[in-house]
N, C-alpha and C. Protein backbone atom coordinates (compact mmCIF):
# COMPACT_ATOMS: atom_id res chain seq x y z
N MET A 1 0.83 -1.21 0.00
CA MET A 1 0.00 0.00 0.00
C MET A 1 0.86 1.24 0.00
N ASN A 2 1.90 1.22 0.83
CA ASN A 2 2.80 2.35 0.89
C ASN A 2 3.55 2.52 -0.41
N ILE A 3 3.86 1.41 -1.07
CA ILE A 3 4.60 1.49 -2.34
C ILE A 3 3.78 2.20 -3.39
N VAL A 4 2.47 1.86 -3.44
CA VAL A 4 1.61 2.50 -4.43
C VAL A 4 1.51 4.00 -4.17
N THR A 5 1.36 4.36 -2.89
CA THR A 5 1.23 5.77 -2.54
C THR A 5 2.48 6.55 -2.90
N LYS A 6 3.64 5.96 -2.61
CA LYS A 6 4.88 6.63 -2.94
C LYS A 6 5.06 6.75 -4.45
N SER A 7 4.63 5.74 -5.15
CA SER A 7 4.74 5.80 -6.62
C SER A 7 3.85 6.90 -7.18
N ALA A 8 2.62 6.95 -6.64
CA ALA A 8 1.70 7.97 -7.10
C ALA A 8 2.22 9.36 -6.77
N LEU A 9 2.75 9.50 -5.54
CA LEU A 9 3.29 10.78 -5.13
C LEU A 9 4.50 11.15 -5.99
N GLY A 10 5.34 10.16 -6.29
CA GLY A 10 6.50 10.41 -7.13
C GLY A 10 6.10 10.85 -8.52
N ALA A 11 5.05 10.24 -9.03
CA ALA A 11 4.58 10.62 -10.37
C ALA A 11 4.07 12.05 -10.39
N VAL A 12 3.34 12.44 -9.33
CA VAL A 12 2.81 13.80 -9.25
C VAL A 12 3.95 14.80 -9.17
N LEU A 13 4.95 14.49 -8.31
CA LEU A 13 6.10 15.40 -8.18
C LEU A 13 6.88 15.50 -9.48
N ALA A 14 7.03 14.36 -10.13
CA ALA A 14 7.75 14.36 -11.41
C ALA A 14 7.02 15.20 -12.44
N ALA A 15 5.71 15.07 -12.48
CA ALA A 15 4.91 15.86 -13.42
C ALA A 15 5.02 17.34 -13.11
N ALA A 16 4.99 17.64 -11.79
CA ALA A 16 5.07 19.04 -11.39
C ALA A 16 6.42 19.63 -11.76
N SER A 17 7.47 18.84 -11.62
CA SER A 17 8.81 19.34 -11.92
C SER A 17 8.98 19.61 -13.40
N VAL A 18 8.22 18.91 -14.25
CA VAL A 18 8.30 19.12 -15.69
C VAL A 18 7.43 20.29 -16.12
N VAL A 19 6.22 20.39 -15.56
CA VAL A 19 5.26 21.39 -16.00
C VAL A 19 5.61 22.78 -15.49
N ALA A 20 6.11 22.88 -14.26
CA ALA A 20 6.33 24.18 -13.64
C ALA A 20 7.21 25.10 -14.47
N PRO A 21 8.37 24.67 -15.00
CA PRO A 21 9.19 25.59 -15.78
C PRO A 21 8.48 26.10 -17.03
N ALA A 22 7.65 25.26 -17.64
CA ALA A 22 6.95 25.66 -18.86
C ALA A 22 5.96 26.78 -18.59
N VAL A 23 5.40 26.83 -17.38
CA VAL A 23 4.44 27.87 -17.03
C VAL A 23 5.15 29.15 -16.61
N VAL A 24 6.24 29.02 -15.90
CA VAL A 24 6.91 30.18 -15.33
C VAL A 24 7.75 30.91 -16.36
N ALA A 25 8.39 30.20 -17.29
CA ALA A 25 9.33 30.81 -18.22
C ALA A 25 8.72 31.91 -19.09
N PRO A 26 7.54 31.68 -19.72
CA PRO A 26 6.97 32.75 -20.53
C PRO A 26 6.66 34.00 -19.72
N ALA A 27 6.14 33.81 -18.49
CA ALA A 27 5.80 34.96 -17.66
C ALA A 27 7.05 35.76 -17.34
N ALA A 28 8.15 35.05 -17.07
CA ALA A 28 9.40 35.74 -16.77
C ALA A 28 9.89 36.49 -17.99
N ALA A 29 9.75 35.85 -19.15
CA ALA A 29 10.20 36.50 -20.38
C ALA A 29 9.37 37.74 -20.68
N GLN A 30 8.05 37.62 -20.49
CA GLN A 30 7.16 38.73 -20.78
C GLN A 30 7.44 39.92 -19.88
N SER A 31 7.85 39.68 -18.65
CA SER A 31 8.09 40.77 -17.72
C SER A 31 9.29 41.62 -18.14
N ASN A 32 10.17 41.07 -18.98
CA ASN A 32 11.36 41.80 -19.42
C ASN A 32 11.14 42.51 -20.75
N GLU A 33 9.98 42.36 -21.36
CA GLU A 33 9.71 42.98 -22.65
C GLU A 33 9.04 44.34 -22.48
N ARG A 34 9.41 45.29 -23.36
CA ARG A 34 8.76 46.59 -23.37
C ARG A 34 8.51 46.99 -24.81
N VAL A 35 7.29 47.40 -25.08
CA VAL A 35 6.87 47.75 -26.45
C VAL A 35 6.71 49.27 -26.54
N ALA A 36 7.14 49.83 -27.66
CA ALA A 36 6.97 51.26 -27.92
C ALA A 36 6.60 51.46 -29.38
N PHE A 37 6.12 52.65 -29.70
CA PHE A 37 5.77 52.93 -31.09
C PHE A 37 6.48 54.20 -31.55
N VAL A 38 6.71 54.27 -32.87
CA VAL A 38 7.35 55.44 -33.48
C VAL A 38 6.55 55.83 -34.72
N ASN A 39 6.17 57.09 -34.79
CA ASN A 39 5.54 57.64 -35.99
C ASN A 39 6.66 58.14 -36.89
N VAL A 40 7.04 57.31 -37.85
CA VAL A 40 8.21 57.58 -38.67
C VAL A 40 8.10 58.91 -39.42
N GLN A 41 6.98 59.15 -40.07
CA GLN A 41 6.83 60.36 -40.86
C GLN A 41 6.88 61.60 -39.99
N ALA A 42 6.28 61.54 -38.81
CA ALA A 42 6.31 62.68 -37.89
C ALA A 42 7.73 62.97 -37.44
N VAL A 43 8.50 61.93 -37.17
CA VAL A 43 9.89 62.11 -36.77
C VAL A 43 10.69 62.74 -37.90
N VAL A 44 10.48 62.27 -39.11
CA VAL A 44 11.23 62.79 -40.27
C VAL A 44 10.97 64.28 -40.46
N VAL A 45 9.70 64.68 -40.52
CA VAL A 45 9.37 66.07 -40.85
C VAL A 45 9.67 67.02 -39.69
N ASN A 46 9.82 66.50 -38.49
CA ASN A 46 10.16 67.36 -37.35
C ASN A 46 11.65 67.37 -37.04
N SER A 47 12.43 66.63 -37.81
CA SER A 47 13.87 66.59 -37.56
C SER A 47 14.51 67.92 -37.92
N THR A 48 15.62 68.20 -37.27
CA THR A 48 16.35 69.44 -37.55
C THR A 48 16.81 69.50 -39.00
N ALA A 49 17.28 68.37 -39.51
CA ALA A 49 17.77 68.33 -40.89
C ALA A 49 16.65 68.67 -41.87
N TYR A 50 15.47 68.13 -41.65
CA TYR A 50 14.34 68.37 -42.54
C TYR A 50 13.90 69.83 -42.48
N GLN A 51 13.73 70.34 -41.27
CA GLN A 51 13.26 71.71 -41.11
C GLN A 51 14.26 72.73 -41.67
N THR A 52 15.54 72.48 -41.44
CA THR A 52 16.57 73.38 -41.98
C THR A 52 16.57 73.35 -43.50
N ALA A 53 16.43 72.15 -44.06
CA ALA A 53 16.40 72.01 -45.52
C ALA A 53 15.21 72.75 -46.12
N GLN A 54 14.07 72.70 -45.44
CA GLN A 54 12.88 73.41 -45.93
C GLN A 54 13.15 74.90 -46.05
N THR A 55 13.86 75.45 -45.06
CA THR A 55 14.18 76.87 -45.08
C THR A 55 15.22 77.19 -46.16
N GLN A 56 16.25 76.38 -46.23
CA GLN A 56 17.31 76.61 -47.21
C GLN A 56 16.79 76.48 -48.63
N ARG A 57 15.85 75.60 -48.85
CA ARG A 57 15.34 75.36 -50.20
C ARG A 57 14.65 76.60 -50.76
N GLN A 58 14.05 77.41 -49.89
CA GLN A 58 13.38 78.62 -50.36
C GLN A 58 14.37 79.59 -51.00
N THR A 59 15.62 79.54 -50.56
CA THR A 59 16.65 80.41 -51.13
C THR A 59 17.35 79.74 -52.32
N THR A 60 17.75 78.49 -52.12
CA THR A 60 18.50 77.79 -53.17
C THR A 60 17.68 77.63 -54.44
N TYR A 61 16.39 77.39 -54.30
CA TYR A 61 15.53 77.17 -55.46
C TYR A 61 14.52 78.31 -55.63
N ALA A 62 14.93 79.51 -55.25
CA ALA A 62 14.03 80.66 -55.33
C ALA A 62 13.58 80.93 -56.76
N ALA A 63 14.48 80.75 -57.72
CA ALA A 63 14.13 81.03 -59.12
C ALA A 63 13.03 80.10 -59.61
N GLN A 64 13.17 78.80 -59.31
CA GLN A 64 12.16 77.83 -59.74
C GLN A 64 10.82 78.08 -59.04
N LEU A 65 10.88 78.40 -57.77
CA LEU A 65 9.65 78.64 -57.01
C LEU A 65 8.93 79.88 -57.53
N GLN A 66 9.69 80.92 -57.85
CA GLN A 66 9.09 82.14 -58.37
C GLN A 66 8.52 81.90 -59.77
N GLN A 67 9.26 81.17 -60.59
CA GLN A 67 8.78 80.87 -61.95
C GLN A 67 7.48 80.07 -61.89
N ALA A 68 7.43 79.11 -60.97
CA ALA A 68 6.22 78.29 -60.84
C ALA A 68 5.04 79.12 -60.36
N GLU A 69 5.28 80.02 -59.43
CA GLU A 69 4.19 80.86 -58.92
C GLU A 69 3.68 81.80 -59.99
N THR A 70 4.59 82.37 -60.78
CA THR A 70 4.19 83.26 -61.87
C THR A 70 3.37 82.50 -62.92
N ARG A 71 3.83 81.30 -63.25
CA ARG A 71 3.12 80.51 -64.25
C ARG A 71 1.77 80.04 -63.72
N ARG A 72 1.72 79.69 -62.45
CA ARG A 72 0.45 79.26 -61.85
C ARG A 72 -0.58 80.39 -61.91
N ALA A 73 -0.14 81.61 -61.60
CA ALA A 73 -1.04 82.76 -61.65
C ALA A 73 -1.54 83.01 -63.07
N ALA A 74 -0.65 82.83 -64.06
CA ALA A 74 -1.04 83.03 -65.46
C ALA A 74 -2.06 81.98 -65.90
N ILE A 75 -1.85 80.76 -65.48
CA ILE A 75 -2.79 79.67 -65.83
C ILE A 75 -4.15 79.94 -65.19
N GLN A 76 -4.12 80.37 -63.95
CA GLN A 76 -5.39 80.66 -63.26
C GLN A 76 -6.12 81.82 -63.93
N ALA A 77 -5.36 82.83 -64.36
CA ALA A 77 -5.97 83.97 -65.05
C ALA A 77 -6.60 83.53 -66.38
N GLN A 78 -6.01 82.54 -67.02
CA GLN A 78 -6.57 82.00 -68.26
C GLN A 78 -7.83 81.19 -67.98
N LEU A 79 -7.83 80.51 -66.85
CA LEU A 79 -8.95 79.62 -66.53
C LEU A 79 -10.17 80.37 -65.99
N ASP A 80 -9.95 81.42 -65.24
CA ASP A 80 -11.06 82.10 -64.53
C ASP A 80 -12.20 82.51 -65.46
N PRO A 81 -11.95 83.21 -66.58
CA PRO A 81 -13.08 83.58 -67.45
C PRO A 81 -13.75 82.37 -68.09
N LEU A 82 -12.98 81.33 -68.38
CA LEU A 82 -13.57 80.13 -68.97
C LEU A 82 -14.49 79.43 -67.97
N ILE A 83 -14.07 79.39 -66.73
CA ILE A 83 -14.89 78.75 -65.69
C ILE A 83 -16.14 79.57 -65.44
N THR A 84 -15.99 80.90 -65.43
CA THR A 84 -17.16 81.77 -65.24
C THR A 84 -18.16 81.59 -66.38
N ALA A 85 -17.66 81.55 -67.59
CA ALA A 85 -18.54 81.38 -68.75
C ALA A 85 -19.22 80.01 -68.71
N PHE A 86 -18.49 78.99 -68.29
CA PHE A 86 -19.07 77.65 -68.21
C PHE A 86 -20.19 77.60 -67.17
N ASN A 87 -19.94 78.19 -66.00
CA ASN A 87 -20.95 78.19 -64.94
C ASN A 87 -22.19 78.98 -65.34
N THR A 88 -21.96 80.08 -66.04
CA THR A 88 -23.10 80.89 -66.51
C THR A 88 -23.92 80.12 -67.55
N ALA A 89 -23.24 79.46 -68.48
CA ALA A 89 -23.92 78.75 -69.55
C ALA A 89 -24.74 77.57 -69.03
N ARG A 90 -24.21 76.85 -68.07
CA ARG A 90 -24.92 75.65 -67.60
C ARG A 90 -26.12 75.99 -66.72
N GLN A 91 -26.22 77.26 -66.30
CA GLN A 91 -27.37 77.67 -65.50
C GLN A 91 -28.53 78.16 -66.36
N GLN A 92 -28.31 78.23 -67.66
CA GLN A 92 -29.37 78.67 -68.57
C GLN A 92 -30.45 77.58 -68.66
N PRO A 93 -31.71 77.99 -68.86
CA PRO A 93 -32.81 77.01 -68.90
C PRO A 93 -32.60 75.92 -69.96
N ASN A 94 -32.22 76.30 -71.14
CA ASN A 94 -32.02 75.32 -72.21
C ASN A 94 -30.55 75.29 -72.62
N ALA A 95 -29.71 74.97 -71.68
CA ALA A 95 -28.26 74.98 -71.95
C ALA A 95 -27.89 73.94 -72.99
N ASP A 96 -27.00 74.32 -73.85
CA ASP A 96 -26.51 73.43 -74.91
C ASP A 96 -25.51 72.45 -74.29
N GLN A 97 -25.93 71.21 -74.13
CA GLN A 97 -25.08 70.23 -73.44
C GLN A 97 -23.81 69.92 -74.22
N ALA A 98 -23.91 69.90 -75.53
CA ALA A 98 -22.73 69.64 -76.35
C ALA A 98 -21.70 70.76 -76.19
N ALA A 99 -22.19 71.99 -76.17
CA ALA A 99 -21.29 73.14 -75.99
C ALA A 99 -20.67 73.11 -74.60
N LEU A 100 -21.48 72.72 -73.60
CA LEU A 100 -20.97 72.62 -72.22
C LEU A 100 -19.85 71.58 -72.12
N GLN A 101 -20.05 70.47 -72.79
CA GLN A 101 -19.04 69.43 -72.77
C GLN A 101 -17.73 69.91 -73.40
N GLN A 102 -17.86 70.67 -74.47
CA GLN A 102 -16.66 71.22 -75.11
C GLN A 102 -15.95 72.21 -74.19
N GLN A 103 -16.73 73.05 -73.51
CA GLN A 103 -16.14 74.01 -72.58
C GLN A 103 -15.44 73.29 -71.43
N ALA A 104 -16.11 72.28 -70.89
CA ALA A 104 -15.52 71.53 -69.78
C ALA A 104 -14.23 70.84 -70.22
N ALA A 105 -14.24 70.28 -71.41
CA ALA A 105 -13.05 69.60 -71.92
C ALA A 105 -11.90 70.58 -72.10
N GLN A 106 -12.22 71.80 -72.56
CA GLN A 106 -11.18 72.81 -72.74
C GLN A 106 -10.57 73.21 -71.40
N ILE A 107 -11.43 73.38 -70.40
CA ILE A 107 -10.95 73.73 -69.05
C ILE A 107 -10.06 72.64 -68.48
N GLN A 108 -10.50 71.40 -68.61
CA GLN A 108 -9.73 70.28 -68.09
C GLN A 108 -8.38 70.15 -68.80
N GLN A 109 -8.38 70.40 -70.09
CA GLN A 109 -7.13 70.32 -70.86
C GLN A 109 -6.13 71.36 -70.39
N ILE A 110 -6.61 72.58 -70.18
CA ILE A 110 -5.73 73.66 -69.72
C ILE A 110 -5.20 73.34 -68.32
N GLN A 111 -6.09 72.81 -67.46
CA GLN A 111 -5.67 72.45 -66.10
C GLN A 111 -4.60 71.37 -66.12
N GLN A 112 -4.80 70.34 -66.93
CA GLN A 112 -3.85 69.24 -66.99
C GLN A 112 -2.51 69.68 -67.57
N THR A 113 -2.58 70.44 -68.65
CA THR A 113 -1.35 70.94 -69.26
C THR A 113 -0.60 71.85 -68.29
N GLY A 114 -1.33 72.69 -67.60
CA GLY A 114 -0.71 73.58 -66.63
C GLY A 114 -0.08 72.82 -65.48
N GLN A 115 -0.76 71.79 -65.01
CA GLN A 115 -0.22 70.98 -63.93
C GLN A 115 1.08 70.30 -64.35
N ASN A 116 1.10 69.77 -65.55
CA ASN A 116 2.31 69.13 -66.05
C ASN A 116 3.46 70.14 -66.18
N GLU A 117 3.12 71.33 -66.62
CA GLU A 117 4.14 72.37 -66.78
C GLU A 117 4.71 72.78 -65.42
N LEU A 118 3.84 72.93 -64.43
CA LEU A 118 4.30 73.30 -63.09
C LEU A 118 5.17 72.20 -62.48
N GLN A 119 4.79 70.96 -62.69
CA GLN A 119 5.60 69.85 -62.19
C GLN A 119 6.99 69.85 -62.81
N GLN A 120 7.06 70.17 -64.09
CA GLN A 120 8.35 70.22 -64.76
C GLN A 120 9.22 71.36 -64.21
N ILE A 121 8.60 72.51 -63.97
CA ILE A 121 9.34 73.65 -63.42
C ILE A 121 9.87 73.32 -62.02
N LEU A 122 9.04 72.64 -61.24
CA LEU A 122 9.38 72.35 -59.84
C LEU A 122 10.10 71.02 -59.66
N ALA A 123 10.46 70.36 -60.75
CA ALA A 123 11.14 69.07 -60.66
C ALA A 123 12.42 69.14 -59.83
N PRO A 124 13.27 70.16 -60.00
CA PRO A 124 14.47 70.24 -59.17
C PRO A 124 14.16 70.37 -57.68
N VAL A 125 13.08 71.07 -57.37
CA VAL A 125 12.67 71.23 -55.97
C VAL A 125 12.20 69.89 -55.39
N ALA A 126 11.41 69.16 -56.17
CA ALA A 126 10.94 67.85 -55.73
C ALA A 126 12.10 66.88 -55.56
N LEU A 127 13.09 66.97 -56.45
CA LEU A 127 14.25 66.10 -56.35
C LEU A 127 15.07 66.42 -55.09
N SER A 128 15.18 67.69 -54.78
CA SER A 128 15.86 68.09 -53.55
C SER A 128 15.14 67.56 -52.33
N GLN A 129 13.83 67.63 -52.35
CA GLN A 129 13.03 67.11 -51.23
C GLN A 129 13.28 65.62 -51.05
N ALA A 130 13.27 64.88 -52.14
CA ALA A 130 13.49 63.44 -52.06
C ALA A 130 14.90 63.12 -51.57
N TYR A 131 15.87 63.93 -52.00
CA TYR A 131 17.27 63.72 -51.61
C TYR A 131 17.44 63.90 -50.10
N VAL A 132 16.84 64.95 -49.58
CA VAL A 132 16.92 65.21 -48.13
C VAL A 132 16.23 64.09 -47.34
N GLU A 133 15.05 63.70 -47.77
CA GLU A 133 14.32 62.66 -47.05
C GLU A 133 15.07 61.33 -47.07
N GLU A 134 15.74 61.03 -48.17
CA GLU A 134 16.49 59.78 -48.23
C GLU A 134 17.69 59.81 -47.27
N GLN A 135 18.35 60.95 -47.17
CA GLN A 135 19.45 61.08 -46.21
C GLN A 135 18.95 60.85 -44.79
N ILE A 136 17.79 61.40 -44.49
CA ILE A 136 17.23 61.25 -43.15
C ILE A 136 16.83 59.80 -42.88
N ARG A 137 16.18 59.18 -43.85
CA ARG A 137 15.72 57.81 -43.65
C ARG A 137 16.88 56.83 -43.58
N ASP A 138 18.01 57.18 -44.18
CA ASP A 138 19.19 56.33 -44.07
C ASP A 138 19.68 56.24 -42.63
N GLN A 139 19.41 57.26 -41.84
CA GLN A 139 19.83 57.29 -40.44
C GLN A 139 18.72 56.91 -39.47
N LEU A 140 17.50 56.79 -40.00
CA LEU A 140 16.34 56.59 -39.13
C LEU A 140 16.38 55.25 -38.40
N GLY A 141 16.79 54.19 -39.09
CA GLY A 141 16.84 52.88 -38.45
C GLY A 141 17.78 52.87 -37.26
N THR A 142 18.96 53.48 -37.44
CA THR A 142 19.93 53.56 -36.34
C THR A 142 19.37 54.40 -35.20
N ALA A 143 18.68 55.49 -35.52
CA ALA A 143 18.10 56.35 -34.50
C ALA A 143 17.06 55.59 -33.67
N ILE A 144 16.23 54.81 -34.34
CA ILE A 144 15.22 54.03 -33.62
C ILE A 144 15.88 52.99 -32.72
N GLN A 145 16.88 52.31 -33.24
CA GLN A 145 17.58 51.30 -32.44
C GLN A 145 18.24 51.92 -31.23
N ASN A 146 18.90 53.06 -31.40
CA ASN A 146 19.57 53.73 -30.28
C ASN A 146 18.56 54.16 -29.22
N ALA A 147 17.44 54.72 -29.66
CA ALA A 147 16.41 55.16 -28.72
C ALA A 147 15.81 53.97 -27.98
N ALA A 148 15.57 52.89 -28.70
CA ALA A 148 14.98 51.70 -28.08
C ALA A 148 15.92 51.11 -27.03
N ARG A 149 17.19 51.00 -27.37
CA ARG A 149 18.16 50.44 -26.42
C ARG A 149 18.29 51.32 -25.18
N ALA A 150 18.30 52.63 -25.39
CA ALA A 150 18.46 53.56 -24.27
C ALA A 150 17.30 53.46 -23.28
N GLN A 151 16.11 53.12 -23.78
CA GLN A 151 14.94 53.04 -22.91
C GLN A 151 14.51 51.62 -22.61
N GLY A 152 15.34 50.66 -22.98
CA GLY A 152 15.02 49.27 -22.68
C GLY A 152 13.85 48.71 -23.46
N VAL A 153 13.62 49.24 -24.64
CA VAL A 153 12.51 48.78 -25.48
C VAL A 153 12.99 47.62 -26.33
N THR A 154 12.20 46.55 -26.37
CA THR A 154 12.57 45.37 -27.15
C THR A 154 11.75 45.22 -28.42
N LEU A 155 10.65 45.96 -28.53
CA LEU A 155 9.80 45.86 -29.72
C LEU A 155 9.27 47.24 -30.06
N VAL A 156 9.53 47.69 -31.31
CA VAL A 156 9.04 48.99 -31.77
C VAL A 156 8.07 48.74 -32.92
N ILE A 157 6.88 49.35 -32.83
CA ILE A 157 5.85 49.14 -33.83
C ILE A 157 5.37 50.49 -34.38
N SER A 158 4.57 50.41 -35.44
CA SER A 158 3.99 51.60 -36.04
C SER A 158 2.70 51.98 -35.31
N PRO A 159 2.41 53.26 -35.15
CA PRO A 159 1.16 53.66 -34.48
C PRO A 159 -0.09 53.31 -35.27
N ASP A 160 0.07 52.95 -36.55
CA ASP A 160 -1.09 52.59 -37.37
C ASP A 160 -1.83 51.38 -36.82
N THR A 161 -1.13 50.53 -36.07
CA THR A 161 -1.74 49.29 -35.58
C THR A 161 -2.22 49.42 -34.14
N ILE A 162 -2.12 50.61 -33.55
CA ILE A 162 -2.43 50.79 -32.13
C ILE A 162 -3.83 51.36 -31.94
N LEU A 163 -4.58 50.76 -31.04
CA LEU A 163 -5.88 51.28 -30.67
C LEU A 163 -5.80 52.13 -29.41
N HIS A 164 -4.90 51.77 -28.50
CA HIS A 164 -4.70 52.56 -27.29
C HIS A 164 -3.30 52.31 -26.76
N ALA A 165 -2.66 53.37 -26.27
CA ALA A 165 -1.33 53.23 -25.67
C ALA A 165 -1.10 54.39 -24.72
N GLU A 166 -0.46 54.11 -23.60
CA GLU A 166 -0.09 55.16 -22.67
C GLU A 166 1.07 55.96 -23.26
N ALA A 167 1.25 57.16 -22.75
CA ALA A 167 2.30 58.04 -23.28
C ALA A 167 3.70 57.44 -23.10
N SER A 168 3.85 56.59 -22.11
CA SER A 168 5.16 56.00 -21.85
C SER A 168 5.62 55.09 -22.99
N HIS A 169 4.70 54.69 -23.87
CA HIS A 169 5.05 53.83 -25.00
C HIS A 169 5.47 54.63 -26.23
N ASN A 170 5.38 55.95 -26.15
CA ASN A 170 5.70 56.82 -27.29
C ASN A 170 7.21 57.04 -27.35
N LEU A 171 7.82 56.59 -28.44
CA LEU A 171 9.27 56.70 -28.60
C LEU A 171 9.65 57.80 -29.60
N ASN A 172 8.69 58.63 -29.98
CA ASN A 172 8.95 59.66 -30.99
C ASN A 172 10.04 60.64 -30.57
N GLU A 173 9.91 61.21 -29.38
CA GLU A 173 10.85 62.23 -28.94
C GLU A 173 12.26 61.66 -28.79
N ALA A 174 12.35 60.46 -28.24
CA ALA A 174 13.66 59.83 -28.07
C ALA A 174 14.30 59.54 -29.42
N THR A 175 13.49 59.08 -30.37
CA THR A 175 14.00 58.81 -31.71
C THR A 175 14.41 60.10 -32.40
N LEU A 176 13.62 61.14 -32.24
CA LEU A 176 13.93 62.44 -32.84
C LEU A 176 15.26 62.98 -32.30
N ALA A 177 15.48 62.85 -31.01
CA ALA A 177 16.74 63.31 -30.42
C ALA A 177 17.93 62.54 -30.99
N GLN A 178 17.77 61.24 -31.13
CA GLN A 178 18.84 60.43 -31.70
C GLN A 178 19.08 60.81 -33.16
N LEU A 179 18.02 61.04 -33.91
CA LEU A 179 18.15 61.39 -35.33
C LEU A 179 18.85 62.73 -35.49
N ASN A 180 18.48 63.70 -34.67
CA ASN A 180 19.12 65.01 -34.74
C ASN A 180 20.60 64.93 -34.41
N SER A 181 20.94 64.00 -33.52
CA SER A 181 22.35 63.81 -33.18
C SER A 181 23.11 63.16 -34.33
N LEU A 182 22.49 62.18 -34.98
CA LEU A 182 23.13 61.47 -36.08
C LEU A 182 23.24 62.33 -37.33
N LEU A 183 22.21 63.15 -37.59
CA LEU A 183 22.17 63.95 -38.82
C LEU A 183 21.67 65.36 -38.49
N PRO A 184 22.57 66.24 -38.02
CA PRO A 184 22.14 67.60 -37.68
C PRO A 184 21.67 68.40 -38.89
N SER A 185 22.23 68.09 -40.06
CA SER A 185 21.84 68.80 -41.28
C SER A 185 21.99 67.86 -42.47
N ALA A 186 21.36 68.24 -43.58
CA ALA A 186 21.40 67.41 -44.79
C ALA A 186 21.76 68.28 -45.99
N GLN A 187 22.35 67.65 -47.00
CA GLN A 187 22.62 68.34 -48.25
C GLN A 187 21.31 68.49 -49.02
N ILE A 188 21.04 69.67 -49.54
CA ILE A 188 19.75 69.87 -50.22
C ILE A 188 19.87 69.79 -51.74
N VAL A 189 21.09 69.89 -52.28
CA VAL A 189 21.28 69.80 -53.73
C VAL A 189 21.84 68.42 -54.06
N PRO A 190 21.08 67.59 -54.75
CA PRO A 190 21.57 66.24 -55.07
C PRO A 190 22.68 66.27 -56.11
N PRO A 191 23.54 65.27 -56.13
CA PRO A 191 24.59 65.20 -57.17
C PRO A 191 23.95 65.05 -58.55
N ASP A 192 24.72 65.42 -59.58
CA ASP A 192 24.22 65.27 -60.95
C ASP A 192 23.88 63.80 -61.23
N GLY A 193 22.71 63.60 -61.80
CA GLY A 193 22.29 62.25 -62.16
C GLY A 193 21.67 61.46 -61.03
N TRP A 194 21.58 62.07 -59.84
CA TRP A 194 20.99 61.34 -58.70
C TRP A 194 19.50 61.11 -58.92
N LEU A 195 19.04 59.92 -58.52
CA LEU A 195 17.62 59.57 -58.58
C LEU A 195 17.18 59.00 -57.24
N PRO A 196 15.92 59.18 -56.89
CA PRO A 196 15.42 58.59 -55.64
C PRO A 196 15.53 57.07 -55.66
N ALA A 197 15.55 56.47 -54.47
CA ALA A 197 15.76 55.02 -54.34
C ALA A 197 14.75 54.22 -55.15
N GLU A 198 13.50 54.66 -55.17
CA GLU A 198 12.46 53.92 -55.90
C GLU A 198 12.77 53.89 -57.40
N MET A 199 13.21 55.02 -57.94
CA MET A 199 13.53 55.07 -59.37
C MET A 199 14.79 54.28 -59.68
N ARG A 200 15.75 54.30 -58.76
CA ARG A 200 16.97 53.50 -58.96
C ARG A 200 16.63 52.02 -58.98
N ALA A 201 15.73 51.62 -58.09
CA ALA A 201 15.32 50.22 -58.05
C ALA A 201 14.61 49.82 -59.34
N GLN A 202 13.79 50.72 -59.87
CA GLN A 202 13.09 50.44 -61.12
C GLN A 202 14.07 50.29 -62.27
N GLN A 203 15.07 51.15 -62.31
CA GLN A 203 16.09 51.08 -63.37
C GLN A 203 16.89 49.77 -63.26
N GLU A 204 17.24 49.40 -62.03
CA GLU A 204 18.00 48.16 -61.84
C GLU A 204 17.17 46.95 -62.25
N ALA A 205 15.88 46.97 -61.92
CA ALA A 205 15.01 45.86 -62.29
C ALA A 205 14.87 45.77 -63.81
N ALA A 206 14.74 46.94 -64.45
CA ALA A 206 14.61 46.95 -65.91
C ALA A 206 15.90 46.46 -66.57
N ALA A 207 17.05 46.87 -66.02
CA ALA A 207 18.33 46.43 -66.57
C ALA A 207 18.52 44.93 -66.39
N ALA A 208 18.12 44.42 -65.21
CA ALA A 208 18.24 42.99 -64.96
C ALA A 208 17.35 42.19 -65.89
N ALA A 209 16.15 42.70 -66.13
CA ALA A 209 15.22 42.02 -67.03
C ALA A 209 15.77 42.01 -68.45
N GLN A 210 16.41 43.10 -68.85
CA GLN A 210 16.98 43.19 -70.19
C GLN A 210 18.13 42.20 -70.36
N VAL A 211 18.97 42.09 -69.31
CA VAL A 211 20.08 41.14 -69.35
C VAL A 211 19.56 39.71 -69.43
N GLN A 212 18.53 39.43 -68.63
CA GLN A 212 17.96 38.09 -68.63
C GLN A 212 17.35 37.75 -69.99
N ALA A 213 16.67 38.72 -70.58
CA ALA A 213 16.07 38.50 -71.90
C ALA A 213 17.15 38.27 -72.94
N GLY A 214 18.27 39.00 -72.83
CA GLY A 214 19.37 38.80 -73.77
C GLY A 214 20.03 37.46 -73.62
N ALA A 215 20.10 36.98 -72.37
CA ALA A 215 20.71 35.68 -72.12
C ALA A 215 19.85 34.54 -72.65
N GLN A 216 18.53 34.74 -72.64
CA GLN A 216 17.63 33.69 -73.10
C GLN A 216 17.47 33.70 -74.62
N GLN A 217 17.81 34.82 -75.25
CA GLN A 217 17.59 34.94 -76.69
C GLN A 217 18.33 33.90 -77.53
N PRO A 218 19.62 33.63 -77.29
CA PRO A 218 20.32 32.64 -78.10
C PRO A 218 19.71 31.24 -77.99
N ALA A 219 19.28 30.87 -76.77
CA ALA A 219 18.68 29.57 -76.58
C ALA A 219 17.37 29.45 -77.36
N THR A 220 16.61 30.56 -77.41
CA THR A 220 15.33 30.54 -78.11
C THR A 220 15.54 30.50 -79.62
N SER A 221 16.52 31.30 -80.11
CA SER A 221 16.74 31.35 -81.57
C SER A 221 17.39 30.09 -82.09
N GLY A 222 18.04 29.31 -81.20
CA GLY A 222 18.72 28.11 -81.64
C GLY A 222 17.81 26.92 -81.78
N ARG A 223 16.56 27.05 -81.31
CA ARG A 223 15.66 25.91 -81.38
C ARG A 223 15.06 25.74 -82.78
């Protein structure tokens, strides 16, 4: 009788010795974890490098900005009487729908052409903006890592996925401080021939596809 009891007790103790670590370990691990979030875009646009570049760009690209503003005003002056005439015509009791469609098409054409022209004038400004943002984003990962380590954060997430969080989980200011330290200022004029990362990737993909197509051509023509 005593043997059975001891065996049963031994089995219970053995089971407990196996199960207990499995229950305790995750809780211990969870207690050492800290989650924080970073609004990447907010950090970028509030960085010293970004804000300084915005101010410098007004001087460096003053000619393009002034040319664009002058052209925009001229386009608007061309559009205003056409829009007024269109609005007046369509309010008439028996408005000519065909004529209205022609007027609307003319207005849309001028707007589209003007928009394309303004984009072309401001292309250097847009390229400068992309160049500055790429310099900042090149340092952003390091800034987030430094801020996380300094505050004992083990997981950093985007605020897009958060429904509620206390202020203590906000890592924006710490990341911003690290970013400003890593990149106090940025170059606003890109080198000749520079393209944004997305366009460089597109060019590389197109070049790779062309090489692959050339490599396959002899095999295809030989069949």
